[in-house]
Protein backbone atom coordinates (compact mmCIF):
# COMPACT_ATOMS: atom_id res chain seq x y z
CA MET A 1 -0.12 -0.28 -0.06
CA ILE A 2 1.25 3.43 -1.02
CA LYS A 3 1.47 5.97 2.25
CA GLN A 4 -0.57 9.11 1.56
CA ASN A 5 0.71 12.74 1.69
CA LYS A 6 4.34 11.11 0.29
CA LEU A 7 5.87 11.89 -2.79
CA LEU A 8 6.86 8.70 -4.62
CA PRO A 9 9.31 8.47 -7.85
CA LEU A 10 7.35 8.14 -11.09
CA PRO A 11 8.55 4.52 -11.48
CA GLU A 12 7.38 3.49 -8.15
CA ILE A 13 3.75 4.90 -9.26
CA LEU A 14 3.78 3.12 -12.77
CA GLU A 15 4.54 -0.25 -10.78
CA HIS A 16 2.24 0.22 -7.87
CA PHE A 17 -0.59 1.41 -10.18
CA LYS A 18 0.26 -1.34 -12.99
CA LEU A 19 0.28 1.56 -15.36
CA SER A 20 0.99 1.24 -18.93
CA ALA A 21 0.59 3.76 -21.99
CA LYS A 22 -2.57 2.98 -23.95
CA LYS A 23 -2.14 3.36 -27.41
CA SER A 24 -5.76 3.74 -28.10
CA LEU A 25 -5.77 6.89 -26.13
CA GLY A 26 -2.51 8.58 -27.80
CA GLN A 27 -0.40 8.10 -24.58
CA HIS A 28 3.20 8.26 -24.19
CA PHE A 29 4.59 8.82 -20.89
CA ILE A 30 7.56 11.63 -19.92
CA LEU A 31 9.08 10.33 -16.97
CA ASP A 32 12.47 12.60 -17.24
CA GLN A 33 11.57 15.08 -14.41
CA ASN A 34 14.51 17.65 -16.01
CA LEU A 35 12.54 17.59 -19.13
CA THR A 36 8.90 18.51 -17.45
CA ASP A 37 10.62 20.91 -14.95
CA ARG A 38 11.99 22.75 -18.21
CA ILE A 39 8.59 22.35 -20.25
CA ALA A 40 7.03 24.02 -17.15
CA ARG A 41 9.55 26.80 -16.95
CA VAL A 42 9.11 27.63 -20.55
CA ALA A 43 5.09 27.96 -19.62
CA SER A 44 5.77 30.38 -17.06
CA VAL A 45 9.29 31.98 -18.20
CA SER A 46 7.37 35.45 -19.01
CA THR A 47 5.90 35.96 -15.95
CA ASN A 48 8.87 33.92 -13.85
CA ASP A 49 6.15 31.43 -11.83
CA LEU A 50 2.49 31.12 -12.72
CA SER A 51 1.09 32.13 -9.32
CA GLY A 52 -1.16 34.89 -10.79
CA PHE A 53 -2.71 32.01 -13.33
CA THR A 54 -4.91 29.18 -13.06
CA ALA A 55 -3.03 26.09 -14.80
CA ILE A 56 -4.81 23.65 -16.93
CA GLU A 57 -3.05 20.28 -18.02
CA ILE A 58 -4.46 17.89 -20.52
CA GLY A 59 -3.88 14.08 -20.41
CA PRO A 60 -1.52 14.15 -17.02
CA GLY A 61 -0.98 10.53 -16.94
CA PRO A 62 0.75 9.50 -13.88
CA GLY A 63 2.02 13.18 -13.09
CA GLY A 64 5.37 13.76 -14.11
CA LEU A 65 4.21 17.20 -16.12
CA THR A 66 1.92 17.65 -13.17
CA ARG A 67 4.71 17.73 -10.24
CA SER A 68 6.81 20.22 -12.45
CA ILE A 69 3.89 22.52 -12.58
CA LEU A 70 2.97 22.67 -9.38
CA LYS A 71 6.31 23.88 -8.55
CA GLN A 72 6.12 26.54 -10.81
CA LYS A 73 3.19 27.41 -7.73
CA PRO A 74 -0.04 28.38 -9.97
CA ARG A 75 -2.92 29.99 -8.29
CA HIS A 76 -4.68 26.40 -9.02
CA LEU A 77 -3.96 23.76 -11.22
CA TYR A 78 -6.73 21.68 -12.70
CA VAL A 79 -5.76 18.37 -14.62
CA ILE A 80 -8.12 16.36 -17.33
CA GLU A 81 -7.81 12.89 -17.57
CA ARG A 82 -10.22 10.22 -19.09
CA ASP A 83 -8.22 7.35 -18.14
CA ARG A 84 -9.11 5.76 -14.38
CA ARG A 85 -6.10 4.29 -13.89
CA CYS A 86 -4.11 7.35 -13.94
CA VAL A 87 -7.04 9.15 -12.33
CA GLU A 88 -5.77 6.89 -9.18
CA ALA A 89 -2.52 7.55 -9.53
CA LEU A 90 -2.82 11.16 -9.72
CA ASP A 91 -5.22 11.37 -6.01
CA ILE A 92 -1.76 10.67 -4.65
CA LEU A 93 -0.62 14.28 -5.63
CA ARG A 94 -3.99 15.47 -5.07
CA GLN A 95 -3.84 14.13 -1.39
CA ILE A 96 -0.29 16.49 -0.99
CA TYR A 97 -1.36 19.50 -3.13
CA THR A 98 -5.07 19.26 -1.49
CA ASN A 99 -5.76 23.27 -2.21
CA ARG A 100 -3.90 23.81 -5.50
CA LEU A 101 -4.63 20.86 -7.57
CA THR A 102 -8.00 19.21 -8.89
CA ILE A 103 -8.82 16.48 -10.65
CA ILE A 104 -11.21 16.56 -13.69
CA THR A 105 -12.35 12.97 -14.76
CA GLY A 106 -13.64 13.35 -18.54
CA ASP A 107 -13.01 14.26 -21.92
CA ALA A 108 -11.01 17.40 -23.04
CA ARG A 109 -12.51 17.36 -26.12
CA THR A 110 -16.21 18.16 -24.61
CA LEU A 111 -15.21 20.90 -22.05
CA SER A 112 -15.20 24.56 -22.34
CA VAL A 113 -12.31 26.33 -20.82
CA SER A 114 -14.33 29.23 -19.88
CA ASN A 115 -16.05 26.77 -17.44
CA ILE A 116 -12.29 25.46 -15.39
CA GLY A 117 -11.07 27.86 -12.95
CA GLN A 118 -10.30 31.84 -12.81
CA ALA A 119 -9.06 33.88 -15.59
CA PRO A 120 -6.22 34.46 -16.73
CA ARG A 121 -5.91 30.59 -17.93
CA ARG A 122 -2.66 29.22 -19.03
CA ILE A 123 -2.71 25.35 -20.93
CA ILE A 124 0.13 23.22 -20.69
CA ALA A 125 0.10 19.86 -21.97
CA ASN A 126 2.10 16.72 -23.63
CA LEU A 127 -0.92 16.47 -25.97
CA PRO A 128 -1.78 13.06 -27.01
CA TYR A 129 -1.42 12.64 -30.50
CA ASN A 130 -4.67 11.05 -32.23
CA ILE A 131 -6.68 14.15 -30.80
CA SER A 132 -4.07 16.84 -30.71
CA THR A 133 -5.42 19.13 -33.50
CA VAL A 134 -9.14 18.71 -32.56
CA LEU A 135 -8.02 19.93 -29.32
CA LEU A 136 -6.44 22.81 -30.64
CA ILE A 137 -9.11 23.98 -32.78
CA ASN A 138 -11.60 23.34 -29.88
CA TRP A 139 -9.28 25.75 -27.70
CA LEU A 140 -8.82 28.21 -30.47
CA ARG A 141 -12.21 28.97 -30.19
CA GLN A 142 -12.33 29.83 -27.33
CA ALA A 143 -9.26 31.63 -27.34
CA GLU A 144 -10.72 34.73 -25.83
CA ASN A 145 -10.54 32.44 -22.84
CA ILE A 146 -6.86 31.80 -22.62
CA ASP A 147 -3.82 33.80 -21.80
CA GLN A 148 -1.40 31.28 -22.99
CA MET A 149 -0.99 27.42 -24.29
CA THR A 150 2.52 25.49 -24.17
CA LEU A 151 1.77 22.49 -25.83
CA MET A 152 3.69 19.30 -26.94
CA PHE A 153 2.77 18.14 -30.73
CA GLN A 154 4.17 15.56 -33.17
CA SER A 155 6.95 17.93 -35.01
CA GLU A 156 4.91 17.75 -38.07
CA VAL A 157 2.00 19.54 -36.23
CA VAL A 158 4.23 22.17 -35.35
CA ASP A 159 5.56 22.81 -38.58
CA ARG A 160 2.12 23.17 -39.93
CA ILE A 161 1.04 25.03 -37.49
CA ILE A 162 4.04 27.86 -37.69
CA ALA A 163 4.40 27.50 -41.50
CA LYS A 164 4.03 30.51 -43.56
CA PRO A 165 2.91 31.33 -46.97
CA SER A 166 3.92 29.75 -49.75
CA SER A 167 5.35 26.98 -47.93
CA LYS A 168 4.18 23.12 -48.10
CA ALA A 169 3.18 22.94 -44.90
CA TYR A 170 1.32 26.16 -44.59
CA GLY A 171 -2.20 25.30 -44.58
CA ARG A 172 -5.65 26.03 -42.60
CA LEU A 173 -4.09 25.23 -38.84
CA SER A 174 -1.58 27.87 -39.96
CA VAL A 175 -3.85 30.62 -40.84
CA ILE A 176 -6.20 29.97 -38.03
CA THR A 177 -3.87 29.43 -35.27
CA GLN A 178 -1.91 32.41 -36.58
CA TRP A 179 -4.72 34.73 -36.85
CA LEU A 180 -5.36 34.26 -33.10
CA CYS A 181 -2.05 33.54 -31.10
CA GLU A 182 1.61 34.25 -31.69
CA PRO A 183 3.20 30.76 -32.01
CA LYS A 184 7.03 30.15 -31.10
CA LEU A 185 8.84 26.96 -31.78
CA GLU A 186 10.51 26.45 -27.98
CA PHE A 187 12.31 23.29 -28.43
CA HIS A 188 12.83 19.77 -29.81
CA ILE A 189 12.39 16.38 -27.93
CA ASP A 190 13.58 13.06 -29.26
CA LYS A 191 11.11 10.07 -29.19
CA ARG A 192 13.55 8.21 -26.53
CA ALA A 193 12.58 10.95 -23.94
CA PHE A 194 8.96 9.25 -24.24
CA VAL A 195 7.64 5.99 -22.24
CA PRO A 196 6.75 3.83 -24.38
CA PRO A 197 8.51 5.80 -27.47
CA PRO A 198 6.43 7.06 -30.61
CA LYS A 199 7.46 6.48 -33.95
CA VAL A 200 8.19 10.64 -34.65
CA ASN A 201 9.67 13.28 -32.71
CA SER A 202 8.13 16.05 -30.68
CA SER A 203 8.27 19.68 -30.54
CA LEU A 204 7.08 21.91 -27.79
CA LEU A 205 5.10 24.96 -29.03
CA THR A 206 3.72 27.89 -27.04
CA LEU A 207 0.84 30.17 -28.26
CA LYS A 208 0.12 33.49 -26.66
CA THR A 209 -2.85 34.51 -27.77
CA ARG A 210 -3.59 38.38 -29.38
CA SER A 211 -5.67 40.76 -27.78
CA PHE A 212 -7.06 40.79 -30.82
CA PRO A 213 -6.99 38.62 -33.95
CA LEU A 214 -5.19 39.66 -36.61
CA TYR A 215 -7.53 40.99 -38.90
CA PRO A 216 -11.36 41.17 -38.68
CA ALA A 217 -13.06 37.87 -39.25
CA LYS A 218 -15.31 35.65 -37.44
CA PHE A 219 -13.89 32.07 -36.87
CA LYS A 220 -16.76 29.85 -38.18
CA TYR A 221 -16.65 31.90 -42.08
CA LEU A 222 -12.55 31.85 -41.53
CA GLU A 223 -12.79 28.15 -41.01
CA LYS A 224 -15.55 27.77 -44.06
CA ILE A 225 -13.04 29.26 -46.36
CA THR A 226 -9.62 28.10 -45.47
CA ALA A 227 -11.22 24.51 -45.48
CA THR A 228 -13.01 25.14 -48.90
CA ALA A 229 -9.37 26.64 -49.96
CA PHE A 230 -7.05 23.95 -48.52
CA GLY A 231 -9.59 20.42 -49.44
CA GLN A 232 -8.21 21.28 -53.31
CA ARG A 233 -5.23 23.09 -52.39
CA ARG A 234 -3.10 21.91 -55.63
CA LYS A 235 -5.93 23.75 -57.73
CA MET A 236 -6.32 27.40 -58.29
CA LEU A 237 -8.43 29.45 -56.46
CA ARG A 238 -10.73 29.56 -59.59
CA SER A 239 -11.46 26.25 -59.38
CA SER A 240 -10.92 25.70 -55.64
CA LEU A 241 -13.39 28.14 -54.41
CA LYS A 242 -16.17 28.17 -57.29
CA PRO A 243 -18.72 25.99 -55.16
CA LEU A 244 -18.50 29.07 -52.91
CA ASP A 245 -18.62 31.91 -55.95
CA ILE A 246 -16.82 34.62 -54.37
CA ASP A 247 -15.51 37.23 -57.25
CA ILE A 248 -11.80 36.73 -55.83
CA THR A 249 -10.33 39.47 -58.54
CA ALA A 250 -12.45 41.97 -56.91
CA LEU A 251 -10.43 42.10 -53.82
CA GLY A 252 -7.65 42.38 -55.82
CA ILE A 253 -6.48 38.36 -55.20
CA ASP A 254 -5.16 36.53 -58.28
CA GLN A 255 -7.78 33.73 -59.17
CA THR A 256 -4.30 31.92 -60.65
CA ALA A 257 -3.07 31.35 -57.11
CA ARG A 258 -3.60 28.22 -54.75
CA ALA A 259 -4.39 28.37 -51.72
CA GLU A 260 -0.77 28.53 -50.24
CA ASN A 261 0.03 31.20 -51.66
CA LEU A 262 -2.71 33.21 -49.92
CA SER A 263 -2.13 35.35 -46.77
CA ILE A 264 -3.89 35.54 -43.74
CA GLU A 265 -5.45 38.82 -44.14
CA GLU A 266 -6.37 37.89 -47.95
CA PHE A 267 -8.23 34.72 -46.42
CA CYS A 268 -9.85 36.91 -43.70
CA LEU A 269 -11.29 39.29 -46.37
CA LEU A 270 -12.57 35.98 -48.19
CA ALA A 271 -14.32 35.29 -44.96
CA GLN A 272 -15.69 39.36 -44.61
CA VAL A 273 -17.24 38.31 -48.06
CA ILE A 274 -19.34 35.21 -46.23
CA GLU A 275 -20.08 36.55 -43.64
CA ARG A 276 -21.54 39.77 -45.34
CA ARG A 277 -23.36 37.49 -47.79
CA SER A 278 -25.08 35.67 -45.05
CA PHE A 279 -27.00 38.40 -43.73
CA ASP A 280 -28.20 39.40 -47.40
C-alpha cells in the first residue's frame, strides 16, 4: 500500500498502479523530471512563475509534468484525465496538494475552458497525438478565455502551425492559429524521451493568444473558407473556391493563385465576403 502524503518517484507510481501507456488513448508518458521541469519553466518564463494564473493540464498520465507545473506555484492547477487508472495515481498528488490541485475526470474535447477555474488561464500539456489538432481547434474557438498555451505536438504538426505562406506545410491550421495567436517554437524533443517511444519526434510550442485577432473576421467563416480552399490545395483558387461563388479578383486576389499562396489577411477578406453574404 502506498503511504498517503508521500511523493513517490514516478517509476514506483507506475509499478504500484500497473500503469502502462494505452495506444488507444494516444498515451506516451514522460518520466524525465528534468525535461518536465523545463517544459513547466517555459510555460511561466514571461512571468517568473504561474502564481497569477489558473493552470490547466490535459492528459497528465501518471503526473510527471503535473509535478513540474506545481513547482511553478499556479494559483490552482486543474488536470483533465479520462483514464481512470491514471486518475487513481494522480490522487496521490491531490492528497499532498489538497488546495492547489483538482482532478477532472473526463474528455477534454467536450469541456469548455471558460468553465474551468478563473482567468487568466494557461494550458500546459503533452497532448495525446491522436486528438492534438482537434483539441487545438477547440481551444482556438475559446481563445478569448485563454492567456497562453504551452503544448507538445508531433514535430510535423508544429511545422504546420508555424508555416508561412507559399510553403508546403502552410494550411488551414497555420492560418487560423496565427490569426489568433503568436506561435513560438521552443525546442524539439527526441522520441526516446517518452515511454513508450513514439515513431516520431515531438516539439514544444508556445501559443500566446493575441489581444485581438490579426485581422477582422469571424471564426466560423474563416474556418469555412480555409477548409474549402485547402480542401483542393493543388487547384487554382478560381476552381477550388468556385462552390462559394466569390469574385476574388474584386478583392485584388489573383484567381490563378493557390490556397497556399494567400496571406492570412487575404483569407480574412474572403471570410468577410462570406459573412456579408449570409446576412443579405
